């Protein structure tokens, strides 16, 4: 089970964007994810008349490793770790490690 999913609010814990908060827009693979407003780089693109794109320098959001982010706990206002709890029916749910409450998806 993935501990961080698409649509989660996360806080960056390390790197040049440390402390920034954003929403996970997509998962690239099982280890990397794209967070809105985090890890933005300048990319030089060539013009492509067939696609109708103009050339120049654009801002692009690049993937970040999931170990460098932590889920945001709105109750405490801080970053928190995620645990997996097994319910009576055999269903797995994500919970905050600090409080043990279930993460609403």
PDB file of N, CA and C in Angstrom:
ATOM      1  N   UNK A   1       0.848  -1.187   0.000  1.00  0.00           N
ATOM      2  CA  UNK A   1       0.000   0.000   0.000  1.00  0.00           C
ATOM      3  C   UNK A   1       0.889   1.245   0.000  1.00  0.00           C
ATOM      4  N   UNK A   2       0.560   2.201  -0.863  1.00  0.00           N
ATOM      5  CA  UNK A   2       1.316   3.440  -0.952  1.00  0.00           C
ATOM      6  C   UNK A   2       0.987   4.335   0.242  1.00  0.00           C
ATOM      7  N   UNK A   3       2.016   4.846   0.885  1.00  0.00           N
ATOM      8  CA  UNK A   3       1.781   5.711   2.040  1.00  0.00           C
ATOM      9  C   UNK A   3       1.428   7.131   1.635  1.00  0.00           C
ATOM     10  N   UNK A   4       1.910   7.564   0.467  1.00  0.00           N
ATOM     11  CA  UNK A   4       1.563   8.892  -0.058  1.00  0.00           C
ATOM     12  C   UNK A   4       0.888   8.686  -1.407  1.00  0.00           C
ATOM     13  N   UNK A   5      -0.307   9.276  -1.550  1.00  0.00           N
ATOM     14  CA  UNK A   5      -1.098   9.079  -2.754  1.00  0.00           C
ATOM     15  C   UNK A   5      -1.350  10.402  -3.461  1.00  0.00           C
ATOM     16  N   UNK A   6      -1.876  10.313  -4.666  1.00  0.00           N
ATOM     17  CA  UNK A   6      -2.249  11.488  -5.445  1.00  0.00           C
ATOM     18  C   UNK A   6      -3.342  12.254  -4.692  1.00  0.00           C
ATOM     19  N   UNK A   7      -3.166  13.571  -4.608  1.00  0.00           N
ATOM     20  CA  UNK A   7      -4.144  14.414  -3.919  1.00  0.00           C
ATOM     21  C   UNK A   7      -3.796  14.709  -2.471  1.00  0.00           C
ATOM     22  N   UNK A   8      -2.772  14.064  -1.915  1.00  0.00           N
ATOM     23  CA  UNK A   8      -2.361  14.317  -0.532  1.00  0.00           C
ATOM     24  C   UNK A   8      -1.629  15.641  -0.416  1.00  0.00           C
ATOM     25  N   UNK A   9      -1.807  16.322   0.715  1.00  0.00           N
ATOM     26  CA  UNK A   9      -1.028  17.512   1.033  1.00  0.00           C
ATOM     27  C   UNK A   9       0.271  17.034   1.679  1.00  0.00           C
ATOM     28  N   UNK A  10       1.419  17.482   1.151  1.00  0.00           N
ATOM     29  CA  UNK A  10       2.709  17.065   1.689  1.00  0.00           C
ATOM     30  C   UNK A  10       3.586  18.273   1.983  1.00  0.00           C
ATOM     31  N   UNK A  11       4.576  18.061   2.861  1.00  0.00           N
ATOM     32  CA  UNK A  11       5.569  19.069   3.210  1.00  0.00           C
ATOM     33  C   UNK A  11       6.926  18.519   2.821  1.00  0.00           C
ATOM     34  N   UNK A  12       7.746  19.335   2.160  1.00  0.00           N
ATOM     35  CA  UNK A  12       9.094  18.913   1.765  1.00  0.00           C
ATOM     36  C   UNK A  12       9.992  18.994   2.990  1.00  0.00           C
ATOM     37  N   UNK A  13      10.710  17.901   3.305  1.00  0.00           N
ATOM     38  CA  UNK A  13      11.530  17.840   4.512  1.00  0.00           C
ATOM     39  C   UNK A  13      13.005  18.113   4.253  1.00  0.00           C
ATOM     40  N   UNK A  14      13.490  17.880   3.022  1.00  0.00           N
ATOM     41  CA  UNK A  14      14.897  18.111   2.718  1.00  0.00           C
ATOM     42  C   UNK A  14      15.040  18.734   1.345  1.00  0.00           C
ATOM     43  N   UNK A  15      16.205  19.299   1.089  1.00  0.00           N
ATOM     44  CA  UNK A  15      16.494  19.863  -0.222  1.00  0.00           C
ATOM     45  C   UNK A  15      16.292  21.359  -0.277  1.00  0.00           C
ATOM     46  N   UNK A  16      16.393  21.920  -1.486  1.00  0.00           N
ATOM     47  CA  UNK A  16      16.331  23.369  -1.624  1.00  0.00           C
ATOM     48  C   UNK A  16      14.926  23.926  -1.412  1.00  0.00           C
ATOM     49  N   UNK A  17      13.892  23.073  -1.506  1.00  0.00           N
ATOM     50  CA  UNK A  17      12.508  23.505  -1.286  1.00  0.00           C
ATOM     51  C   UNK A  17      11.999  23.116   0.099  1.00  0.00           C
ATOM     52  N   UNK A  18      12.901  22.923   1.048  1.00  0.00           N
ATOM     53  CA  UNK A  18      12.530  22.483   2.395  1.00  0.00           C
ATOM     54  C   UNK A  18      11.520  23.441   3.019  1.00  0.00           C
ATOM     55  N   UNK A  19      10.457  22.866   3.574  1.00  0.00           N
ATOM     56  CA  UNK A  19       9.427  23.657   4.237  1.00  0.00           C
ATOM     57  C   UNK A  19       8.244  24.007   3.350  1.00  0.00           C
ATOM     58  N   UNK A  20       8.383  23.851   2.046  1.00  0.00           N
ATOM     59  CA  UNK A  20       7.277  24.157   1.136  1.00  0.00           C
ATOM     60  C   UNK A  20       6.193  23.088   1.253  1.00  0.00           C
ATOM     61  N   UNK A  21       4.958  23.523   1.038  1.00  0.00           N
ATOM     62  CA  UNK A  21       3.824  22.619   1.113  1.00  0.00           C
ATOM     63  C   UNK A  21       3.108  22.603  -0.229  1.00  0.00           C
ATOM     64  N   UNK A  22       2.647  21.450  -0.648  1.00  0.00           N
ATOM     65  CA  UNK A  22       1.947  21.345  -1.921  1.00  0.00           C
ATOM     66  C   UNK A  22       1.142  20.065  -2.011  1.00  0.00           C
ATOM     67  N   UNK A  23       0.406  19.943  -3.094  1.00  0.00           N
ATOM     68  CA  UNK A  23      -0.435  18.774  -3.340  1.00  0.00           C
ATOM     69  C   UNK A  23       0.254  17.847  -4.335  1.00  0.00           C
ATOM     70  N   UNK A  24       0.175  16.559  -4.079  1.00  0.00           N
ATOM     71  CA  UNK A  24       0.736  15.574  -5.001  1.00  0.00           C
ATOM     72  C   UNK A  24      -0.165  15.522  -6.231  1.00  0.00           C
ATOM     73  N   UNK A  25       0.410  15.847  -7.406  1.00  0.00           N
ATOM     74  CA  UNK A  25      -0.381  15.851  -8.636  1.00  0.00           C
ATOM     75  C   UNK A  25      -0.364  14.495  -9.337  1.00  0.00           C
ATOM     76  N   UNK A  26       0.761  13.767  -9.244  1.00  0.00           N
ATOM     77  CA  UNK A  26       0.816  12.426  -9.831  1.00  0.00           C
ATOM     78  C   UNK A  26       2.018  11.672  -9.288  1.00  0.00           C
ATOM     79  N   UNK A  27       1.946  10.347  -9.409  1.00  0.00           N
ATOM     80  CA  UNK A  27       3.072   9.476  -9.054  1.00  0.00           C
ATOM     81  C   UNK A  27       3.747   9.062 -10.350  1.00  0.00           C
ATOM     82  N   UNK A  28       5.069   9.284 -10.439  1.00  0.00           N
ATOM     83  CA  UNK A  28       5.820   8.916 -11.637  1.00  0.00           C
ATOM     84  C   UNK A  28       6.075   7.411 -11.641  1.00  0.00           C
ATOM     85  N   UNK A  29       6.563   6.896 -10.519  1.00  0.00           N
ATOM     86  CA  UNK A  29       6.732   5.458 -10.321  1.00  0.00           C
ATOM     87  C   UNK A  29       6.519   5.191  -8.839  1.00  0.00           C
ATOM     88  N   UNK A  30       6.945   4.006  -8.350  1.00  0.00           N
ATOM     89  CA  UNK A  30       6.661   3.722  -6.935  1.00  0.00           C
ATOM     90  C   UNK A  30       7.511   4.551  -5.974  1.00  0.00           C
ATOM     91  N   UNK A  31       8.538   5.246  -6.433  1.00  0.00           N
ATOM     92  CA  UNK A  31       9.397   6.008  -5.532  1.00  0.00           C
ATOM     93  C   UNK A  31       9.326   7.523  -5.736  1.00  0.00           C
ATOM     94  N   UNK A  32       8.931   7.983  -6.918  1.00  0.00           N
ATOM     95  CA  UNK A  32       8.949   9.414  -7.216  1.00  0.00           C
ATOM     96  C   UNK A  32       7.544   9.958  -7.420  1.00  0.00           C
ATOM     97  N   UNK A  33       7.355  11.220  -7.017  1.00  0.00           N
ATOM     98  CA  UNK A  33       6.071  11.874  -7.190  1.00  0.00           C
ATOM     99  C   UNK A  33       6.270  13.327  -7.560  1.00  0.00           C
ATOM    100  N   UNK A  34       5.266  13.900  -8.213  1.00  0.00           N
ATOM    101  CA  UNK A  34       5.304  15.303  -8.621  1.00  0.00           C
ATOM    102  C   UNK A  34       4.420  16.087  -7.665  1.00  0.00           C
ATOM    103  N   UNK A  35       5.022  17.117  -7.029  1.00  0.00           N
ATOM    104  CA  UNK A  35       4.302  17.948  -6.070  1.00  0.00           C
ATOM    105  C   UNK A  35       4.146  19.337  -6.671  1.00  0.00           C
ATOM    106  N   UNK A  36       2.938  19.858  -6.619  1.00  0.00           N
ATOM    107  CA  UNK A  36       2.610  21.166  -7.183  1.00  0.00           C
ATOM    108  C   UNK A  36       3.417  22.267  -6.489  1.00  0.00           C
ATOM    109  N   UNK A  37       4.174  23.044  -7.273  1.00  0.00           N
ATOM    110  CA  UNK A  37       4.945  24.172  -6.744  1.00  0.00           C
ATOM    111  C   UNK A  37       6.267  23.806  -6.107  1.00  0.00           C
ATOM    112  N   UNK A  38       6.707  22.556  -6.246  1.00  0.00           N
ATOM    113  CA  UNK A  38       7.954  22.097  -5.624  1.00  0.00           C
ATOM    114  C   UNK A  38       8.866  21.532  -6.703  1.00  0.00           C
ATOM    115  N   UNK A  39      10.172  21.774  -6.577  1.00  0.00           N
ATOM    116  CA  UNK A  39      11.197  21.265  -7.492  1.00  0.00           C
ATOM    117  C   UNK A  39      10.956  21.784  -8.914  1.00  0.00           C
ATOM    118  N   UNK A  40      10.770  23.087  -9.031  1.00  0.00           N
ATOM    119  CA  UNK A  40      10.551  23.719 -10.328  1.00  0.00           C
ATOM    120  C   UNK A  40      11.908  24.079 -10.933  1.00  0.00           C
ATOM    121  N   UNK A  41      12.114  23.693 -12.197  1.00  0.00           N
ATOM    122  CA  UNK A  41      13.367  23.962 -12.892  1.00  0.00           C
ATOM    123  C   UNK A  41      13.076  24.713 -14.186  1.00  0.00           C
ATOM    124  N   UNK A  42      14.110  25.394 -14.700  1.00  0.00           N
ATOM    125  CA  UNK A  42      14.019  26.062 -16.002  1.00  0.00           C
ATOM    126  C   UNK A  42      14.394  25.054 -17.073  1.00  0.00           C
ATOM    127  N   UNK A  43      13.561  24.935 -18.095  1.00  0.00           N
ATOM    128  CA  UNK A  43      13.838  23.999 -19.177  1.00  0.00           C
ATOM    129  C   UNK A  43      13.837  24.758 -20.498  1.00  0.00           C
ATOM    130  N   UNK A  44      14.889  24.551 -21.285  1.00  0.00           N
ATOM    131  CA  UNK A  44      14.988  25.174 -22.599  1.00  0.00           C
ATOM    132  C   UNK A  44      14.339  24.251 -23.615  1.00  0.00           C
ATOM    133  N   UNK A  45      13.340  24.764 -24.328  1.00  0.00           N
ATOM    134  CA  UNK A  45      12.636  23.946 -25.308  1.00  0.00           C
ATOM    135  C   UNK A  45      12.813  24.533 -26.700  1.00  0.00           C
ATOM    136  N   UNK A  46      12.935  23.643 -27.672  1.00  0.00           N
ATOM    137  CA  UNK A  46      13.045  24.059 -29.064  1.00  0.00           C
ATOM    138  C   UNK A  46      11.651  24.306 -29.624  1.00  0.00           C
ATOM    139  N   UNK A  47      11.543  25.217 -30.580  1.00  0.00           N
ATOM    140  CA  UNK A  47      10.229  25.387 -31.225  1.00  0.00           C
ATOM    141  C   UNK A  47       9.907  24.184 -32.102  1.00  0.00           C
ATOM    142  N   UNK A  48       8.650  23.801 -32.115  1.00  0.00           N
ATOM    143  CA  UNK A  48       8.201  22.693 -32.951  1.00  0.00           C
ATOM    144  C   UNK A  48       6.978  23.155 -33.741  1.00  0.00           C
ATOM    145  N   UNK A  49       7.191  23.543 -35.019  1.00  0.00           N
ATOM    146  CA  UNK A  49       6.060  24.054 -35.798  1.00  0.00           C
ATOM    147  C   UNK A  49       4.971  23.015 -36.072  1.00  0.00           C
ATOM    148  N   UNK A  50       5.327  21.727 -36.065  1.00  0.00           N
ATOM    149  CA  UNK A  50       4.326  20.686 -36.299  1.00  0.00           C
ATOM    150  C   UNK A  50       3.329  20.599 -35.142  1.00  0.00           C
ATOM    151  N   UNK A  51       3.830  20.789 -33.898  1.00  0.00           N
ATOM    152  CA  UNK A  51       2.947  20.754 -32.727  1.00  0.00           C
ATOM    153  C   UNK A  51       2.405  22.140 -32.398  1.00  0.00           C
ATOM    154  N   UNK A  52       2.970  23.169 -33.000  1.00  0.00           N
ATOM    155  CA  UNK A  52       2.515  24.531 -32.736  1.00  0.00           C
ATOM    156  C   UNK A  52       3.067  25.125 -31.458  1.00  0.00           C
ATOM    157  N   UNK A  53       4.226  24.617 -30.986  1.00  0.00           N
ATOM    158  CA  UNK A  53       4.825  25.150 -29.765  1.00  0.00           C
ATOM    159  C   UNK A  53       5.933  26.123 -30.117  1.00  0.00           C
ATOM    160  N   UNK A  54       6.030  27.178 -29.331  1.00  0.00           N
ATOM    161  CA  UNK A  54       7.113  28.138 -29.519  1.00  0.00           C
ATOM    162  C   UNK A  54       8.266  27.756 -28.609  1.00  0.00           C
ATOM    163  N   UNK A  55       9.460  28.153 -28.996  1.00  0.00           N
ATOM    164  CA  UNK A  55      10.636  27.843 -28.202  1.00  0.00           C
ATOM    165  C   UNK A  55      10.825  28.851 -27.093  1.00  0.00           C
ATOM    166  N   UNK A  56      11.739  28.544 -26.200  1.00  0.00           N
ATOM    167  CA  UNK A  56      12.045  29.459 -25.112  1.00  0.00           C
ATOM    168  C   UNK A  56      12.359  28.710 -23.835  1.00  0.00           C
ATOM    169  N   UNK A  57      12.361  29.453 -22.729  1.00  0.00           N
ATOM    170  CA  UNK A  57      12.649  28.881 -21.426  1.00  0.00           C
ATOM    171  C   UNK A  57      11.332  28.783 -20.662  1.00  0.00           C
ATOM    172  N   UNK A  58      11.000  27.563 -20.211  1.00  0.00           N
ATOM    173  CA  UNK A  58       9.758  27.369 -19.467  1.00  0.00           C
ATOM    174  C   UNK A  58      10.063  26.832 -18.072  1.00  0.00           C
ATOM    175  N   UNK A  59       9.139  27.042 -17.148  1.00  0.00           N
ATOM    176  CA  UNK A  59       9.249  26.451 -15.811  1.00  0.00           C
ATOM    177  C   UNK A  59       8.560  25.096 -15.837  1.00  0.00           C
ATOM    178  N   UNK A  60       9.256  24.069 -15.344  1.00  0.00           N
ATOM    179  CA  UNK A  60       8.712  22.723 -15.356  1.00  0.00           C
ATOM    180  C   UNK A  60       8.843  22.118 -13.966  1.00  0.00           C
ATOM    181  N   UNK A  61       7.789  21.469 -13.506  1.00  0.00           N
ATOM    182  CA  UNK A  61       7.827  20.789 -12.214  1.00  0.00           C
ATOM    183  C   UNK A  61       8.392  19.397 -12.413  1.00  0.00           C
ATOM    184  N   UNK A  62       9.471  19.096 -11.715  1.00  0.00           N
ATOM    185  CA  UNK A  62      10.137  17.809 -11.845  1.00  0.00           C
ATOM    186  C   UNK A  62       9.782  16.906 -10.661  1.00  0.00           C
ATOM    187  N   UNK A  63       9.929  15.589 -10.828  1.00  0.00           N
ATOM    188  CA  UNK A  63       9.609  14.659  -9.733  1.00  0.00           C
ATOM    189  C   UNK A  63      10.571  14.794  -8.558  1.00  0.00           C
ATOM    190  N   UNK A  64      10.081  14.428  -7.388  1.00  0.00           N
ATOM    191  CA  UNK A  64      10.880  14.435  -6.161  1.00  0.00           C
ATOM    192  C   UNK A  64      10.724  13.061  -5.516  1.00  0.00           C
ATOM    193  N   UNK A  65      11.761  12.609  -4.829  1.00  0.00           N
ATOM    194  CA  UNK A  65      11.711  11.290  -4.192  1.00  0.00           C
ATOM    195  C   UNK A  65      10.782  11.343  -2.993  1.00  0.00           C
ATOM    196  N   UNK A  66      10.023  10.268  -2.779  1.00  0.00           N
ATOM    197  CA  UNK A  66       9.028  10.264  -1.714  1.00  0.00           C
ATOM    198  C   UNK A  66       9.646  10.295  -0.314  1.00  0.00           C
ATOM    199  N   UNK A  67      10.928   9.943  -0.193  1.00  0.00           N
ATOM    200  CA  UNK A  67      11.580   9.998   1.120  1.00  0.00           C
ATOM    201  C   UNK A  67      11.859  11.435   1.542  1.00  0.00           C
ATOM    202  N   UNK A  68      11.783  12.382   0.592  1.00  0.00           N
ATOM    203  CA  UNK A  68      12.052  13.788   0.894  1.00  0.00           C
ATOM    204  C   UNK A  68      10.791  14.581   1.219  1.00  0.00           C
ATOM    205  N   UNK A  69       9.650  13.913   1.312  1.00  0.00           N
ATOM    206  CA  UNK A  69       8.405  14.581   1.682  1.00  0.00           C
ATOM    207  C   UNK A  69       7.733  13.820   2.818  1.00  0.00           C
ATOM    208  N   UNK A  70       6.898  14.534   3.575  1.00  0.00           N
ATOM    209  CA  UNK A  70       6.090  13.924   4.629  1.00  0.00           C
ATOM    210  C   UNK A  70       4.676  14.456   4.494  1.00  0.00           C
ATOM    211  N   UNK A  71       3.712  13.655   4.858  1.00  0.00           N
ATOM    212  CA  UNK A  71       2.312  14.052   4.726  1.00  0.00           C
ATOM    213  C   UNK A  71       1.997  15.151   5.743  1.00  0.00           C
ATOM    214  N   UNK A  72       1.127  16.088   5.348  1.00  0.00           N
ATOM    215  CA  UNK A  72       0.763  17.227   6.203  1.00  0.00           C
ATOM    216  C   UNK A  72      -0.446  16.862   7.048  1.00  0.00           C
ATOM    217  N   UNK A  73      -0.308  17.026   8.374  1.00  0.00           N
ATOM    218  CA  UNK A  73      -1.397  16.762   9.302  1.00  0.00           C
ATOM    219  C   UNK A  73      -2.060  18.090   9.628  1.00  0.00           C
ATOM    220  N   UNK A  74      -3.289  18.293   9.165  1.00  0.00           N
ATOM    221  CA  UNK A  74      -3.988  19.564   9.357  1.00  0.00           C
ATOM    222  C   UNK A  74      -4.338  19.808  10.817  1.00  0.00           C
ATOM    223  N   UNK A  75      -4.520  18.744  11.595  1.00  0.00           N
ATOM    224  CA  UNK A  75      -4.879  18.895  13.009  1.00  0.00           C
ATOM    225  C   UNK A  75      -3.739  19.515  13.818  1.00  0.00           C
ATOM    226  N   UNK A  76      -2.517  19.098  13.538  1.00  0.00           N
ATOM    227  CA  UNK A  76      -1.361  19.632  14.269  1.00  0.00           C
ATOM    228  C   UNK A  76      -0.696  20.779  13.530  1.00  0.00           C
ATOM    229  N   UNK A  77      -0.911  20.857  12.214  1.00  0.00           N
ATOM    230  CA  UNK A  77      -0.272  21.897  11.406  1.00  0.00           C
ATOM    231  C   UNK A  77       1.172  21.599  11.081  1.00  0.00           C
ATOM    232  N   UNK A  78       1.572  20.345  11.225  1.00  0.00           N
ATOM    233  CA  UNK A  78       2.954  19.953  10.960  1.00  0.00           C
ATOM    234  C   UNK A  78       3.003  18.724  10.066  1.00  0.00           C
ATOM    235  N   UNK A  79       4.221  18.379   9.648  1.00  0.00           N
ATOM    236  CA  UNK A  79       4.437  17.158   8.871  1.00  0.00           C
ATOM    237  C   UNK A  79       4.322  15.958   9.804  1.00  0.00           C
ATOM    238  N   UNK A  80       3.881  14.851   9.261  1.00  0.00           N
ATOM    239  CA  UNK A  80       3.682  13.657  10.070  1.00  0.00           C
ATOM    240  C   UNK A  80       4.071  12.423   9.273  1.00  0.00           C
ATOM    241  N   UNK A  81       4.372  11.338   9.985  1.00  0.00           N
ATOM    242  CA  UNK A  81       4.672  10.073   9.334  1.00  0.00           C
ATOM    243  C   UNK A  81       3.377   9.286   9.144  1.00  0.00           C
ATOM    244  N   UNK A  82       3.410   8.333   8.228  1.00  0.00           N
ATOM    245  CA  UNK A  82       2.228   7.548   7.900  1.00  0.00           C
ATOM    246  C   UNK A  82       2.450   6.105   8.318  1.00  0.00           C
ATOM    247  N   UNK A  83       1.418   5.520   8.944  1.00  0.00           N
ATOM    248  CA  UNK A  83       1.445   4.114   9.301  1.00  0.00           C
ATOM    249  C   UNK A  83       0.280   3.405   8.644  1.00  0.00           C
ATOM    250  N   UNK A  84       0.335   2.089   8.612  1.00  0.00           N
ATOM    251  CA  UNK A  84      -0.733   1.273   8.047  1.00  0.00           C
ATOM    252  C   UNK A  84      -1.385   0.500   9.187  1.00  0.00           C
ATOM    253  N   UNK A  85      -2.724   0.576   9.275  1.00  0.00           N
ATOM    254  CA  UNK A  85      -3.454  -0.118  10.330  1.00  0.00           C
ATOM    255  C   UNK A  85      -4.401  -1.116   9.678  1.00  0.00           C
ATOM    256  N   UNK A  86      -4.475  -2.307  10.226  1.00  0.00           N
ATOM    257  CA  UNK A  86      -5.346  -3.350   9.712  1.00  0.00           C
ATOM    258  C   UNK A  86      -6.643  -3.325  10.505  1.00  0.00           C
ATOM    259  N   UNK A  87      -7.771  -3.131   9.832  1.00  0.00           N
ATOM    260  CA  UNK A  87      -9.075  -3.098  10.487  1.00  0.00           C
ATOM    261  C   UNK A  87      -9.623  -4.512  10.647  1.00  0.00           C
ATOM    262  N   UNK A  88     -10.742  -4.627  11.362  1.00  0.00           N
ATOM    263  CA  UNK A  88     -11.332  -5.936  11.652  1.00  0.00           C
ATOM    264  C   UNK A  88     -11.709  -6.710  10.394  1.00  0.00           C
ATOM    265  N   UNK A  89     -12.227  -6.025   9.389  1.00  0.00           N
ATOM    266  CA  UNK A  89     -12.639  -6.698   8.160  1.00  0.00           C
ATOM    267  C   UNK A  89     -11.493  -7.092   7.253  1.00  0.00           C
ATOM    268  N   UNK A  90     -10.260  -6.865   7.668  1.00  0.00           N
ATOM    269  CA  UNK A  90      -9.098  -7.182   6.839  1.00  0.00           C
ATOM    270  C   UNK A  90      -8.701  -6.041   5.927  1.00  0.00           C
ATOM    271  N   UNK A  91      -9.371  -4.880   6.076  1.00  0.00           N
ATOM    272  CA  UNK A  91      -9.065  -3.714   5.241  1.00  0.00           C
ATOM    273  C   UNK A  91      -7.907  -2.933   5.838  1.00  0.00           C
ATOM    274  N   UNK A  92      -7.021  -2.417   4.981  1.00  0.00           N
ATOM    275  CA  UNK A  92      -5.889  -1.614   5.431  1.00  0.00           C
ATOM    276  C   UNK A  92      -6.222  -0.136   5.265  1.00  0.00           C
ATOM    277  N   UNK A  93      -5.881   0.680   6.273  1.00  0.00           N
ATOM    278  CA  UNK A  93      -6.090   2.123   6.190  1.00  0.00           C
ATOM    279  C   UNK A  93      -4.805   2.825   6.605  1.00  0.00           C
ATOM    280  N   UNK A  94      -4.622   4.043   6.075  1.00  0.00           N
ATOM    281  CA  UNK A  94      -3.468   4.852   6.448  1.00  0.00           C
ATOM    282  C   UNK A  94      -3.821   5.666   7.688  1.00  0.00           C
ATOM    283  N   UNK A  95      -2.875   5.758   8.633  1.00  0.00           N
ATOM    284  CA  UNK A  95      -3.090   6.517   9.862  1.00  0.00           C
ATOM    285  C   UNK A  95      -1.883   7.411  10.125  1.00  0.00           C
ATOM    286  N   UNK A  96      -2.117   8.534  10.845  1.00  0.00           N
ATOM    287  CA  UNK A  96      -1.019   9.382  11.290  1.00  0.00           C
ATOM    288  C   UNK A  96      -0.312   8.693  12.450  1.00  0.00           C
ATOM    289  N   UNK A  97       1.021   8.682  12.430  1.00  0.00           N
ATOM    290  CA  UNK A  97       1.796   8.028  13.487  1.00  0.00           C
ATOM    291  C   UNK A  97       1.670   8.764  14.817  1.00  0.00           C
ATOM    292  N   UNK A  98       1.547  10.102  14.785  1.00  0.00           N
ATOM    293  CA  UNK A  98       1.531  10.871  16.027  1.00  0.00           C
ATOM    294  C   UNK A  98       0.230  10.672  16.812  1.00  0.00           C
ATOM    295  N   UNK A  99      -0.912  10.652  16.113  1.00  0.00           N
ATOM    296  CA  UNK A  99      -2.190  10.575  16.803  1.00  0.00           C
ATOM    297  C   UNK A  99      -2.904   9.243  16.614  1.00  0.00           C
ATOM    298  N   UNK A 100      -2.594   8.511  15.560  1.00  0.00           N
ATOM    299  CA  UNK A 100      -3.262   7.253  15.285  1.00  0.00           C
ATOM    300  C   UNK A 100      -4.584   7.401  14.571  1.00  0.00           C
ATOM    301  N   UNK A 101      -4.971   8.648  14.235  1.00  0.00           N
ATOM    302  CA  UNK A 101      -6.237   8.847  13.541  1.00  0.00           C
ATOM    303  C   UNK A 101      -6.092   8.542  12.064  1.00  0.00           C
ATOM    304  N   UNK A 102      -7.193   8.135  11.456  1.00  0.00           N
ATOM    305  CA  UNK A 102      -7.200   7.722  10.051  1.00  0.00           C
ATOM    306  C   UNK A 102      -7.046   8.928   9.127  1.00  0.00           C
ATOM    307  N   UNK A 103      -6.301   8.738   8.036  1.00  0.00           N
ATOM    308  CA  UNK A 103      -6.106   9.788   7.034  1.00  0.00           C
ATOM    309  C   UNK A 103      -7.286   9.744   6.085  1.00  0.00           C
ATOM    310  N   UNK A 104      -7.980  10.868   5.955  1.00  0.00           N
ATOM    311  CA  UNK A 104      -9.128  10.947   5.046  1.00  0.00           C
ATOM    312  C   UNK A 104      -8.615  11.137   3.630  1.00  0.00           C
ATOM    313  N   UNK A 105      -9.011  10.251   2.732  1.00  0.00           N
ATOM    314  CA  UNK A 105      -8.531  10.319   1.346  1.00  0.00           C
ATOM    315  C   UNK A 105      -9.439  11.133   0.466  1.00  0.00           C
TER     316      UNK A 105
END
